[in-house]
C-alpha atoms as a PDB file:
ATOM      1  CA  MET A   1     -17.380   9.826 -21.741  1.00  0.00           C
ATOM      2  CA  ALA A   2     -16.009   6.886 -20.742  1.00  0.00           C
ATOM      3  CA  MET A   3     -12.508   6.126 -19.513  1.00  0.00           C
ATOM      4  CA  TYR A   4     -10.717   3.005 -20.113  1.00  0.00           C
ATOM      5  CA  VAL A   5      -7.532   2.196 -17.685  1.00  0.00           C
ATOM      6  CA  VAL A   6      -7.495   6.047 -15.605  1.00  0.00           C
ATOM      7  CA  ARG A   7     -10.847   5.332 -12.727  1.00  0.00           C
ATOM      8  CA  PRO A   8     -11.890   7.440 -10.049  1.00  0.00           C
ATOM      9  CA  PHE A   9     -11.423   5.410  -6.957  1.00  0.00           C
ATOM     10  CA  ASP A  10     -14.142   3.876  -6.143  1.00  0.00           C
ATOM     11  CA  PRO A  11     -13.404   1.736  -2.413  1.00  0.00           C
ATOM     12  CA  TRP A  12     -16.116  -0.756  -3.350  1.00  0.00           C
ATOM     13  CA  ARG A  13     -18.827   1.298  -1.670  1.00  0.00           C
ATOM     14  CA  SER A  14     -16.956   0.627   1.775  1.00  0.00           C
ATOM     15  CA  PRO A  15     -18.040   2.698   4.715  1.00  0.00           C
ATOM     16  CA  LEU A  16     -14.734   2.726   6.632  1.00  0.00           C
ATOM     17  CA  CYS A  17     -12.568   4.018   3.527  1.00  0.00           C
ATOM     18  CA  THR A  18     -11.025   7.587   4.321  1.00  0.00           C
ATOM     19  CA  CYS A  19      -9.413   7.836   0.963  1.00  0.00           C
ATOM     20  CA  PRO A  20      -9.403  11.159  -0.333  1.00  0.00           C
ATOM     21  CA  ALA A  21     -10.980  11.997  -4.197  1.00  0.00           C
ATOM     22  CA  LYS A  22      -8.456  10.695  -6.501  1.00  0.00           C
ATOM     23  CA  TYR A  23      -8.079   8.927  -9.609  1.00  0.00           C
ATOM     24  CA  VAL A  24      -6.306   5.446  -9.938  1.00  0.00           C
ATOM     25  CA  LEU A  25      -4.202   3.469 -12.558  1.00  0.00           C
ATOM     26  CA  HIS A  26      -3.233  -0.192 -12.562  1.00  0.00           C
ATOM     27  CA  PRO A  27      -0.655  -0.783 -15.460  1.00  0.00           C
ATOM     28  CA  TYR A  28      -1.210  -4.790 -15.135  1.00  0.00           C
ATOM     29  CA  THR A  29      -4.347  -7.179 -14.291  1.00  0.00           C
ATOM     30  CA  GLY A  30      -2.640  -9.246 -11.676  1.00  0.00           C
ATOM     31  CA  CYS A  31       0.556  -9.368  -9.379  1.00  0.00           C
ATOM     32  CA  GLY A  32       3.097 -11.474  -9.176  1.00  0.00           C
ATOM     33  CA  HIS A  33       4.015 -10.839  -5.635  1.00  0.00           C
ATOM     34  CA  ARG A  34       1.628 -14.083  -4.508  1.00  0.00           C
ATOM     35  CA  CYS A  35       0.719 -12.155  -1.373  1.00  0.00           C
ATOM     36  CA  LEU A  36      -1.354 -14.753   0.710  1.00  0.00           C
ATOM     37  CA  TYR A  37      -2.825 -12.188   2.544  1.00  0.00           C
ATOM     38  CA  CYS A  38      -3.671 -10.672  -1.302  1.00  0.00           C
ATOM     39  CA  TYR A  39      -7.828  -9.227  -1.342  1.00  0.00           C
ATOM     40  CA  ALA A  40      -7.917  -8.640  -5.241  1.00  0.00           C
ATOM     41  CA  SER A  41      -7.537 -12.482  -5.904  1.00  0.00           C
ATOM     42  CA  SER A  42     -10.819 -12.694  -4.513  1.00  0.00           C
ATOM     43  CA  TYR A  43     -12.698 -10.799  -7.647  1.00  0.00           C
ATOM     44  CA  ILE A  44      -9.927 -10.579 -10.508  1.00  0.00           C
ATOM     45  CA  ARG A  45      -9.098 -14.334 -11.947  1.00  0.00           C
ATOM     46  CA  ASN A  46      -5.853 -15.565 -12.969  1.00  0.00           C
ATOM     47  CA  PHE A  47      -4.831 -12.650 -10.439  1.00  0.00           C
ATOM     48  CA  PHE A  48      -1.214 -13.822  -9.900  1.00  0.00           C
ATOM     49  CA  ASN A  49      -0.188 -14.336 -13.260  1.00  0.00           C
ATOM     50  CA  PRO A  50       0.411 -10.688 -14.432  1.00  0.00           C
ATOM     51  CA  ARG A  51      -0.174  -9.759 -17.638  1.00  0.00           C
ATOM     52  CA  PRO A  52      -0.219  -5.986 -19.052  1.00  0.00           C
ATOM     53  CA  LYS A  53      -2.852  -3.986 -19.974  1.00  0.00           C
ATOM     54  CA  LYS A  54      -3.689  -3.707 -24.110  1.00  0.00           C
ATOM     55  CA  ASP A  55      -2.951  -0.393 -25.742  1.00  0.00           C
ATOM     56  CA  LEU A  56      -2.209   1.039 -21.933  1.00  0.00           C
ATOM     57  CA  ARG A  57      -0.248   4.162 -23.632  1.00  0.00           C
ATOM     58  CA  SER A  58      -2.855   5.363 -26.201  1.00  0.00           C
ATOM     59  CA  LYS A  59      -5.840   4.538 -23.550  1.00  0.00           C
ATOM     60  CA  LEU A  60      -3.887   6.666 -21.007  1.00  0.00           C
ATOM     61  CA  ALA A  61      -3.344   9.232 -22.942  1.00  0.00           C
ATOM     62  CA  ARG A  62      -6.965   9.613 -23.634  1.00  0.00           C
ATOM     63  CA  ASP A  63      -8.061   9.593 -20.317  1.00  0.00           C
ATOM     64  CA  LEU A  64      -5.897  11.880 -18.817  1.00  0.00           C
ATOM     65  CA  GLN A  65      -7.612  14.417 -20.988  1.00  0.00           C
ATOM     66  CA  LEU A  66     -10.708  13.694 -19.329  1.00  0.00           C
ATOM     67  CA  ILE A  67     -10.019  14.027 -16.042  1.00  0.00           C
ATOM     68  CA  SER A  68      -9.421  17.922 -13.973  1.00  0.00           C
ATOM     69  CA  PRO A  69      -5.953  19.726 -13.916  1.00  0.00           C
ATOM     70  CA  GLY A  70      -3.635  18.582 -10.900  1.00  0.00           C
ATOM     71  CA  SER A  71      -5.733  15.614  -9.884  1.00  0.00           C
ATOM     72  CA  ILE A  72      -4.066  12.672  -7.820  1.00  0.00           C
ATOM     73  CA  VAL A  73      -3.416   9.603 -10.013  1.00  0.00           C
ATOM     74  CA  GLU A  74      -2.512   6.767  -7.933  1.00  0.00           C
ATOM     75  CA  VAL A  75      -0.275   3.889  -9.074  1.00  0.00           C
ATOM     76  CA  SER A  76      -1.920   1.819  -8.035  1.00  0.00           C
ATOM     77  CA  THR A  77      -4.208  -0.242  -5.437  1.00  0.00           C
ATOM     78  CA  SER A  78      -5.142  -3.548  -6.160  1.00  0.00           C
ATOM     79  CA  SER A  79      -1.866  -4.968  -8.054  1.00  0.00           C
ATOM     80  CA  ASP A  80       1.533  -3.741  -7.469  1.00  0.00           C
ATOM     81  CA  PRO A  81       2.735  -1.169 -10.519  1.00  0.00           C
ATOM     82  CA  TYR A  82       6.012  -3.133  -9.981  1.00  0.00           C
ATOM     83  CA  THR A  83       4.999  -6.556 -10.412  1.00  0.00           C
ATOM     84  CA  PRO A  84       8.155  -8.244 -11.798  1.00  0.00           C
ATOM     85  CA  PRO A  85       7.154  -7.916 -15.648  1.00  0.00           C
ATOM     86  CA  GLU A  86       7.963  -4.644 -15.362  1.00  0.00           C
ATOM     87  CA  GLU A  87      11.386  -5.219 -14.871  1.00  0.00           C
ATOM     88  CA  SER A  88      11.808  -6.112 -19.111  1.00  0.00           C
ATOM     89  CA  LEU A  89       7.975  -3.937 -19.782  1.00  0.00           C
ATOM     90  CA  LEU A  90       9.066  -0.901 -18.590  1.00  0.00           C
ATOM     91  CA  ILE A  91       5.040  -0.275 -18.855  1.00  0.00           C
ATOM     92  CA  THR A  92       4.538   1.575 -15.363  1.00  0.00           C
ATOM     93  CA  ARG A  93       7.653   3.926 -16.210  1.00  0.00           C
ATOM     94  CA  GLU A  94       6.227   5.110 -19.283  1.00  0.00           C
ATOM     95  CA  ALA A  95       3.004   5.673 -17.761  1.00  0.00           C
ATOM     96  CA  ILE A  96       4.068   7.644 -14.818  1.00  0.00           C
ATOM     97  CA  LEU A  97       6.151   9.796 -16.779  1.00  0.00           C
ATOM     98  CA  GLU A  98       2.827  10.628 -19.113  1.00  0.00           C
ATOM     99  CA  ILE A  99       1.183  11.083 -15.773  1.00  0.00           C
ATOM    100  CA  LEU A 100       3.896  13.395 -14.444  1.00  0.00           C
ATOM    101  CA  LYS A 101       4.677  15.556 -17.732  1.00  0.00           C
ATOM    102  CA  HIS A 102       0.858  16.284 -18.207  1.00  0.00           C
ATOM    103  CA  GLY A 103       0.769  17.944 -14.368  1.00  0.00           C
ATOM    104  CA  TYR A 104      -1.056  15.641 -12.456  1.00  0.00           C
ATOM    105  CA  LYS A 105       0.162  14.371  -9.195  1.00  0.00           C
ATOM    106  CA  LEU A 106       1.047  11.182  -8.519  1.00  0.00           C
ATOM    107  CA  LEU A 107       1.239   8.362  -5.917  1.00  0.00           C
ATOM    108  CA  ILE A 108       2.736   5.223  -6.241  1.00  0.00           C
ATOM    109  CA  THR A 109       1.866   2.236  -3.816  1.00  0.00           C
ATOM    110  CA  THR A 110       4.396  -0.924  -3.824  1.00  0.00           C
ATOM    111  CA  LYS A 111       6.473  -3.416  -2.225  1.00  0.00           C
ATOM    112  CA  SER A 112       9.049  -3.468  -4.771  1.00  0.00           C
ATOM    113  CA  THR A 113      12.647  -2.383  -5.222  1.00  0.00           C
ATOM    114  CA  LEU A 114      11.832  -1.312  -8.648  1.00  0.00           C
ATOM    115  CA  VAL A 115      10.519   1.693  -7.841  1.00  0.00           C
ATOM    116  CA  LEU A 116      14.279   2.712  -7.405  1.00  0.00           C
ATOM    117  CA  ARG A 117      14.886   2.379 -11.351  1.00  0.00           C
ATOM    118  CA  ASP A 118      12.623   5.608 -12.076  1.00  0.00           C
ATOM    119  CA  LEU A 119      13.877   7.303  -9.052  1.00  0.00           C
ATOM    120  CA  ASP A 120      15.266   9.802 -11.887  1.00  0.00           C
ATOM    121  CA  LEU A 121      11.825  11.017 -12.999  1.00  0.00           C
ATOM    122  CA  LEU A 122      10.280  11.040  -9.509  1.00  0.00           C
ATOM    123  CA  VAL A 123      13.186  13.484  -8.573  1.00  0.00           C
ATOM    124  CA  LYS A 124      12.734  15.203 -12.069  1.00  0.00           C
ATOM    125  CA  TYR A 125       9.015  15.448 -10.833  1.00  0.00           C
ATOM    126  CA  LYS A 126       9.197  15.456  -7.112  1.00  0.00           C
ATOM    127  CA  ASP A 127       7.118  18.674  -5.720  1.00  0.00           C
ATOM    128  CA  ARG A 128       3.958  16.107  -7.744  1.00  0.00           C
ATOM    129  CA  VAL A 129       5.260  12.881  -6.449  1.00  0.00           C
ATOM    130  CA  ALA A 130       4.875  10.310  -3.357  1.00  0.00           C
ATOM    131  CA  VAL A 131       5.523   6.865  -2.617  1.00  0.00           C
ATOM    132  CA  ALA A 132       3.998   4.335  -0.094  1.00  0.00           C
ATOM    133  CA  ILE A 133       6.182   1.793   1.052  1.00  0.00           C
ATOM    134  CA  THR A 134       4.485  -2.176   2.058  1.00  0.00           C
ATOM    135  CA  ILE A 135       6.497  -3.653   5.230  1.00  0.00           C
ATOM    136  CA  THR A 136       4.341  -6.111   6.891  1.00  0.00           C
ATOM    137  CA  THR A 137       7.682  -7.330   8.742  1.00  0.00           C
ATOM    138  CA  LEU A 138      11.225  -7.077  10.005  1.00  0.00           C
ATOM    139  CA  ASP A 139      11.043 -10.790  10.296  1.00  0.00           C
ATOM    140  CA  ASN A 140      12.529 -12.457   6.698  1.00  0.00           C
ATOM    141  CA  ARG A 141      11.310 -16.051   7.492  1.00  0.00           C
ATOM    142  CA  ILE A 142       7.701 -14.676   7.860  1.00  0.00           C
ATOM    143  CA  ALA A 143       7.873 -11.996   5.073  1.00  0.00           C
ATOM    144  CA  SER A 144       8.780 -14.485   2.631  1.00  0.00           C
ATOM    145  CA  ALA A 145       5.922 -16.673   3.661  1.00  0.00           C
ATOM    146  CA  LEU A 146       3.612 -14.170   2.977  1.00  0.00           C
ATOM    147  CA  GLU A 147       4.832 -12.590   0.309  1.00  0.00           C
ATOM    148  CA  PRO A 148       6.744 -14.655  -1.588  1.00  0.00           C
ATOM    149  CA  GLY A 149       7.028 -13.063  -4.778  1.00  0.00           C
ATOM    150  CA  ALA A 150       8.317  -9.792  -3.058  1.00  0.00           C
ATOM    151  CA  PRO A 151      11.611  -8.401  -2.490  1.00  0.00           C
ATOM    152  CA  GLY A 152      13.129  -8.923   1.000  1.00  0.00           C
ATOM    153  CA  VAL A 153      12.361  -7.191   4.102  1.00  0.00           C
ATOM    154  CA  THR A 154      16.086  -5.200   3.569  1.00  0.00           C
ATOM    155  CA  GLU A 155      15.882  -4.249   0.551  1.00  0.00           C
ATOM    156  CA  ARG A 156      12.566  -2.535   0.793  1.00  0.00           C
ATOM    157  CA  LEU A 157      14.185  -0.372   3.743  1.00  0.00           C
ATOM    158  CA  LYS A 158      16.609   0.314   1.480  1.00  0.00           C
ATOM    159  CA  VAL A 159      14.067   1.648  -1.107  1.00  0.00           C
ATOM    160  CA  VAL A 160      12.113   3.979   1.767  1.00  0.00           C
ATOM    161  CA  LYS A 161      16.086   5.682   2.848  1.00  0.00           C
ATOM    162  CA  LEU A 162      17.274   6.206  -0.970  1.00  0.00           C
ATOM    163  CA  LEU A 163      13.924   7.597  -1.724  1.00  0.00           C
ATOM    164  CA  SER A 164      13.616   9.378   1.508  1.00  0.00           C
ATOM    165  CA  LYS A 165      17.313  10.793   0.813  1.00  0.00           C
ATOM    166  CA  SER A 166      16.381  11.753  -3.070  1.00  0.00           C
ATOM    167  CA  GLY A 167      13.609  14.313  -1.373  1.00  0.00           C
ATOM    168  CA  ILE A 168      10.734  12.009  -2.220  1.00  0.00           C
ATOM    169  CA  PRO A 169       8.075  12.054   0.582  1.00  0.00           C
ATOM    170  CA  THR A 170       7.831   8.659   1.809  1.00  0.00           C
ATOM    171  CA  LEU A 171       4.845   6.354   3.723  1.00  0.00           C
ATOM    172  CA  VAL A 172       5.736   3.247   4.798  1.00  0.00           C
ATOM    173  CA  ARG A 173       2.011   0.911   4.954  1.00  0.00           C
ATOM    174  CA  VAL A 174       2.244  -1.697   7.944  1.00  0.00           C
ATOM    175  CA  ASP A 175      -0.245  -3.023   6.201  1.00  0.00           C
ATOM    176  CA  PRO A 176      -1.664  -6.037   6.741  1.00  0.00           C
ATOM    177  CA  ILE A 177      -1.543  -6.828  10.713  1.00  0.00           C
ATOM    178  CA  VAL A 178      -2.614 -10.728  10.751  1.00  0.00           C
ATOM    179  CA  PRO A 179      -3.081 -11.905  14.162  1.00  0.00           C
ATOM    180  CA  TYR A 180      -0.777 -14.338  15.581  1.00  0.00           C
ATOM    181  CA  ILE A 181       1.567 -13.652  12.645  1.00  0.00           C
ATOM    182  CA  ASN A 182       3.303 -10.387  12.353  1.00  0.00           C
ATOM    183  CA  ASP A 183       1.032  -8.847  15.348  1.00  0.00           C
ATOM    184  CA  ASP A 184       3.948  -9.213  17.933  1.00  0.00           C
ATOM    185  CA  PHE A 185       3.912  -5.536  19.850  1.00  0.00           C
ATOM    186  CA  THR A 186       7.973  -5.962  20.007  1.00  0.00           C
ATOM    187  CA  GLY A 187       8.260  -6.506  16.524  1.00  0.00           C
ATOM    188  CA  ILE A 188       5.829  -3.645  15.379  1.00  0.00           C
ATOM    189  CA  VAL A 189       8.091  -1.252  17.377  1.00  0.00           C
ATOM    190  CA  LYS A 190      10.983  -2.142  15.874  1.00  0.00           C
ATOM    191  CA  LEU A 191       9.285  -2.279  12.430  1.00  0.00           C
ATOM    192  CA  VAL A 192       8.482   1.578  13.475  1.00  0.00           C
ATOM    193  CA  ASP A 193      11.817   2.699  14.637  1.00  0.00           C
ATOM    194  CA  HIS A 194      13.458   1.196  11.682  1.00  0.00           C
ATOM    195  CA  VAL A 195      10.988   2.903   9.005  1.00  0.00           C
ATOM    196  CA  ALA A 196      11.496   6.363  11.282  1.00  0.00           C
ATOM    197  CA  GLU A 197      15.545   5.770  10.760  1.00  0.00           C
ATOM    198  CA  ALA A 198      15.231   5.278   6.796  1.00  0.00           C
ATOM    199  CA  GLY A 199      13.644   8.626   6.741  1.00  0.00           C
ATOM    200  CA  ALA A 200       9.674   8.219   6.555  1.00  0.00           C
ATOM    201  CA  ILE A 201       6.953  10.498   7.475  1.00  0.00           C
ATOM    202  CA  GLN A 202       4.298   8.398   7.859  1.00  0.00           C
ATOM    203  CA  ILE A 203       3.198   5.475   8.702  1.00  0.00           C
ATOM    204  CA  THR A 204      -0.642   3.814   7.838  1.00  0.00           C
ATOM    205  CA  SER A 205      -1.690   0.613   9.023  1.00  0.00           C
ATOM    206  CA  SER A 206      -4.479  -1.965   9.456  1.00  0.00           C
ATOM    207  CA  THR A 207      -5.732  -5.014   9.932  1.00  0.00           C
ATOM    208  CA  TYR A 208      -6.002  -8.148   7.751  1.00  0.00           C
ATOM    209  CA  LYS A 209      -9.417  -8.451   6.243  1.00  0.00           C
ATOM    210  CA  ALA A 210     -10.742 -12.436   5.573  1.00  0.00           C
ATOM    211  CA  ARG A 211     -11.527 -13.008   2.327  1.00  0.00           C
ATOM    212  CA  PRO A 212     -12.355 -17.499   1.863  1.00  0.00           C
ATOM    213  CA  ASP A 213      -9.444 -17.789  -1.328  1.00  0.00           C
ATOM    214  CA  SER A 214      -6.738 -15.212   1.124  1.00  0.00           C
ATOM    215  CA  LEU A 215      -7.756 -16.820   4.282  1.00  0.00           C
ATOM    216  CA  LYS A 216      -6.904 -20.512   2.911  1.00  0.00           C
ATOM    217  CA  ARG A 217      -3.987 -19.673   1.920  1.00  0.00           C
ATOM    218  CA  LEU A 218      -2.814 -18.182   5.433  1.00  0.00           C
ATOM    219  CA  LEU A 219      -4.268 -21.363   6.843  1.00  0.00           C
ATOM    220  CA  LYS A 220      -2.369 -23.738   4.612  1.00  0.00           C
ATOM    221  CA  ALA A 221       0.957 -21.977   5.157  1.00  0.00           C
ATOM    222  CA  PHE A 222       0.840 -21.499   9.205  1.00  0.00           C
ATOM    223  CA  PRO A 223      -0.802 -24.417   9.955  1.00  0.00           C
ATOM    224  CA  GLU A 224       0.478 -23.977  13.666  1.00  0.00           C
ATOM    225  CA  ILE A 225      -1.813 -20.857  14.609  1.00  0.00           C
ATOM    226  CA  SER A 226      -4.973 -22.220  11.934  1.00  0.00           C
ATOM    227  CA  SER A 227      -7.781 -22.852  14.441  1.00  0.00           C
ATOM    228  CA  MET A 228      -7.039 -19.668  16.557  1.00  0.00           C
ATOM    229  CA  LEU A 229      -6.724 -17.840  13.005  1.00  0.00           C
ATOM    230  CA  LEU A 230     -10.123 -19.204  12.655  1.00  0.00           C
ATOM    231  CA  GLU A 231     -11.709 -18.646  15.640  1.00  0.00           C
ATOM    232  CA  ALA A 232     -10.341 -14.748  16.112  1.00  0.00           C
ATOM    233  CA  TYR A 233     -11.895 -14.108  12.606  1.00  0.00           C
ATOM    234  CA  LYS A 234     -15.397 -16.550  13.481  1.00  0.00           C
ATOM    235  CA  THR A 235     -16.078 -13.947  16.286  1.00  0.00           C
ATOM    236  CA  GLY A 236     -15.631 -10.680  13.844  1.00  0.00           C
ATOM    237  CA  ASN A 237     -17.885  -8.735  11.849  1.00  0.00           C
ATOM    238  CA  LYS A 238     -18.243  -8.613   8.230  1.00  0.00           C
ATOM    239  CA  VAL A 239     -18.453  -5.220   6.193  1.00  0.00           C
ATOM    240  CA  GLY A 240     -18.471  -4.818   2.989  1.00  0.00           C
ATOM    241  CA  GLY A 241     -18.135  -8.570   2.177  1.00  0.00           C
ATOM    242  CA  TYR A 242     -14.875  -8.829   4.498  1.00  0.00           C
ATOM    243  CA  MET A 243     -14.358 -10.543   7.433  1.00  0.00           C
ATOM    244  CA  TYR A 244     -13.229  -8.169   9.988  1.00  0.00           C
ATOM    245  CA  LEU A 245     -11.374  -8.412  13.626  1.00  0.00           C
ATOM    246  CA  ARG A 246     -13.959  -7.511  16.354  1.00  0.00           C
ATOM    247  CA  SER A 247     -13.968  -3.919  16.474  1.00  0.00           C
ATOM    248  CA  GLU A 248     -11.913  -3.825  20.032  1.00  0.00           C
ATOM    249  CA  ASP A 249      -9.305  -6.063  19.123  1.00  0.00           C
ATOM    250  CA  ARG A 250      -8.528  -4.036  15.849  1.00  0.00           C
ATOM    251  CA  LEU A 251      -8.649  -1.113  17.561  1.00  0.00           C
ATOM    252  CA  GLU A 252      -5.472  -2.313  20.089  1.00  0.00           C
ATOM    253  CA  TYR A 253      -3.894  -3.169  16.867  1.00  0.00           C
ATOM    254  CA  MET A 254      -3.999   0.506  15.808  1.00  0.00           C
ATOM    255  CA  LYS A 255      -3.724   2.195  19.244  1.00  0.00           C
ATOM    256  CA  SER A 256      -0.271   0.203  19.177  1.00  0.00           C
ATOM    257  CA  VAL A 257       1.039   1.138  15.647  1.00  0.00           C
ATOM    258  CA  ARG A 258       0.284   4.921  16.285  1.00  0.00           C
ATOM    259  CA  ASP A 259       1.763   4.940  19.251  1.00  0.00           C
ATOM    260  CA  ALA A 260       4.609   3.284  17.953  1.00  0.00           C
ATOM    261  CA  ALA A 261       4.679   5.720  15.143  1.00  0.00           C
ATOM    262  CA  ALA A 262       4.061   8.614  17.714  1.00  0.00           C
ATOM    263  CA  ARG A 263       7.471   7.893  20.106  1.00  0.00           C
ATOM    264  CA  ALA A 264       9.148   7.554  16.613  1.00  0.00           C
ATOM    265  CA  GLY A 265       8.221  11.077  15.375  1.00  0.00           C
ATOM    266  CA  LEU A 266       5.964   9.423  12.480  1.00  0.00           C
ATOM    267  CA  ALA A 267       2.332  10.542  11.161  1.00  0.00           C
ATOM    268  CA  PHE A 268      -0.112   8.184  11.344  1.00  0.00           C
ATOM    269  CA  ASN A 269      -3.450   7.122   9.991  1.00  0.00           C
ATOM    270  CA  THR A 270      -5.618   3.821   9.637  1.00  0.00           C
ATOM    271  CA  CYS A 271      -6.688   2.130   6.095  1.00  0.00           C
ATOM    272  CA  ARG A 272     -10.586   1.003   6.297  1.00  0.00           C
ATOM    273  CA  GLU A 273     -10.933   0.626   9.958  1.00  0.00           C
ATOM    274  CA  GLY A 274     -13.121   2.754  11.242  1.00  0.00           C
ATOM    275  CA  PHE A 275     -11.235   4.701  13.384  1.00  0.00           C
ATOM    276  CA  PRO A 276     -10.671   8.358  12.181  1.00  0.00           C
ATOM    277  CA  GLU A 277      -9.486   9.917  15.952  1.00  0.00           C
ATOM    278  CA  LEU A 278      -6.213   7.787  15.545  1.00  0.00           C
ATOM    279  CA  ALA A 279      -5.381   9.684  12.533  1.00  0.00           C
ATOM    280  CA  THR A 280      -2.427  12.518  12.659  1.00  0.00           C
ATOM    281  CA  LYS A 281      -4.585  15.686  11.432  1.00  0.00           C
ATOM    282  CA  GLY A 282      -3.470  16.664   8.470  1.00  0.00           C
ATOM    283  CA  PHE A 283      -2.354  13.564   6.729  1.00  0.00           C
ATOM    284  CA  SER A 284      -4.200  11.427   4.591  1.00  0.00           C
ATOM    285  CA  CYS A 285      -4.458   7.369   5.241  1.00  0.00           C
ATOM    286  CA  ASP A 286      -2.876   6.713   1.613  1.00  0.00           C
ATOM    287  CA  GLY A 287      -0.259   9.160   1.770  1.00  0.00           C
ATOM    288  CA  SER A 288      -1.746  11.281  -0.821  1.00  0.00           C
ATOM    289  CA  SER A 289      -1.243  13.946   1.653  1.00  0.00           C
ATOM    290  CA  LEU A 290       2.362  14.229   1.462  1.00  0.00           C
ATOM    291  CA  ILE A 291       2.934  15.217  -1.832  1.00  0.00           C
ATOM    292  CA  GLY A 292       4.438  18.620  -1.664  1.00  0.00           C
ATOM    293  CA  ARG A 293       6.050  18.253   1.539  1.00  0.00           C
ATOM    294  CA  TYR A 294       8.967  16.448   2.160  1.00  0.00           C
ATOM    295  CA  ARG A 295      10.167  17.035   5.982  1.00  0.00           C
ATOM    296  CA  SER A 296       7.027  17.001   8.135  1.00  0.00           C
ATOM    297  CA  VAL A 297       6.643  18.762  11.352  1.00  0.00           C
ATOM    298  CA  VAL A 298       5.674  16.273  13.129  1.00  0.00           C
ATOM    299  CA  LYS A 299       8.867  14.195  12.628  1.00  0.00           C
ATOM    300  CA  THR A 300      11.646  15.983  15.084  1.00  0.00           C
END
């Protein structure tokens, strides 16, 4: 039987994806955070104009009957479930309640402070919940340019702190690292230290994977580094329709974040990078392995 809104996670057959088996739900088509590096805008028309899925409630209820008890459902992977219209529409809130009250595990991936509105639900079902918060830099000037519709960096760190204090296992995605924009090593170390102080358990990181539309946005927003950024990707590798940096450059970036995470006592993994040897054993890249475990033995 066909499913309407809950789908098995498909990483576009990327040979570098290490996500465990799970399902994904996108309450909205599109996202209002307007991140310059967004990959989903390359294949979803009018992506930066978010609109709710039609008849989501009834379709979700039907789809949940078709998946195995205890399955992981991620909300969501390509559009933020707490995109700005959610503040008034409450569609994501209704969806996560439906998922949780029927016994499924829930992974939320967002960069919005609006997730705190639903803290009551997350705390009630905290043994089956984990949250991943994206923070790309501590520099508010860079963040506002990269993610013009998203909450500020300080606000996102507060979200990590409040979730952690409430017993919700929390991962931070330092993702993506864009050469010459947010790749300063000192800045990355400071970000990881702030994340650790806020109570996160794990860091997951990746480098920017270029698509024509997102690369065009970055070049326009950061003209001072445009020639260097173009050169970095021209000399890189094509993987699954994306332009990657050279493998040795990506490995250097990921080792830097891994080392910073280790010094801070955090678990670490990468996203679609192809370096499984860098991962902390037992910690999945997406954060779903945090479900059911609050204070990890990795953090001292």
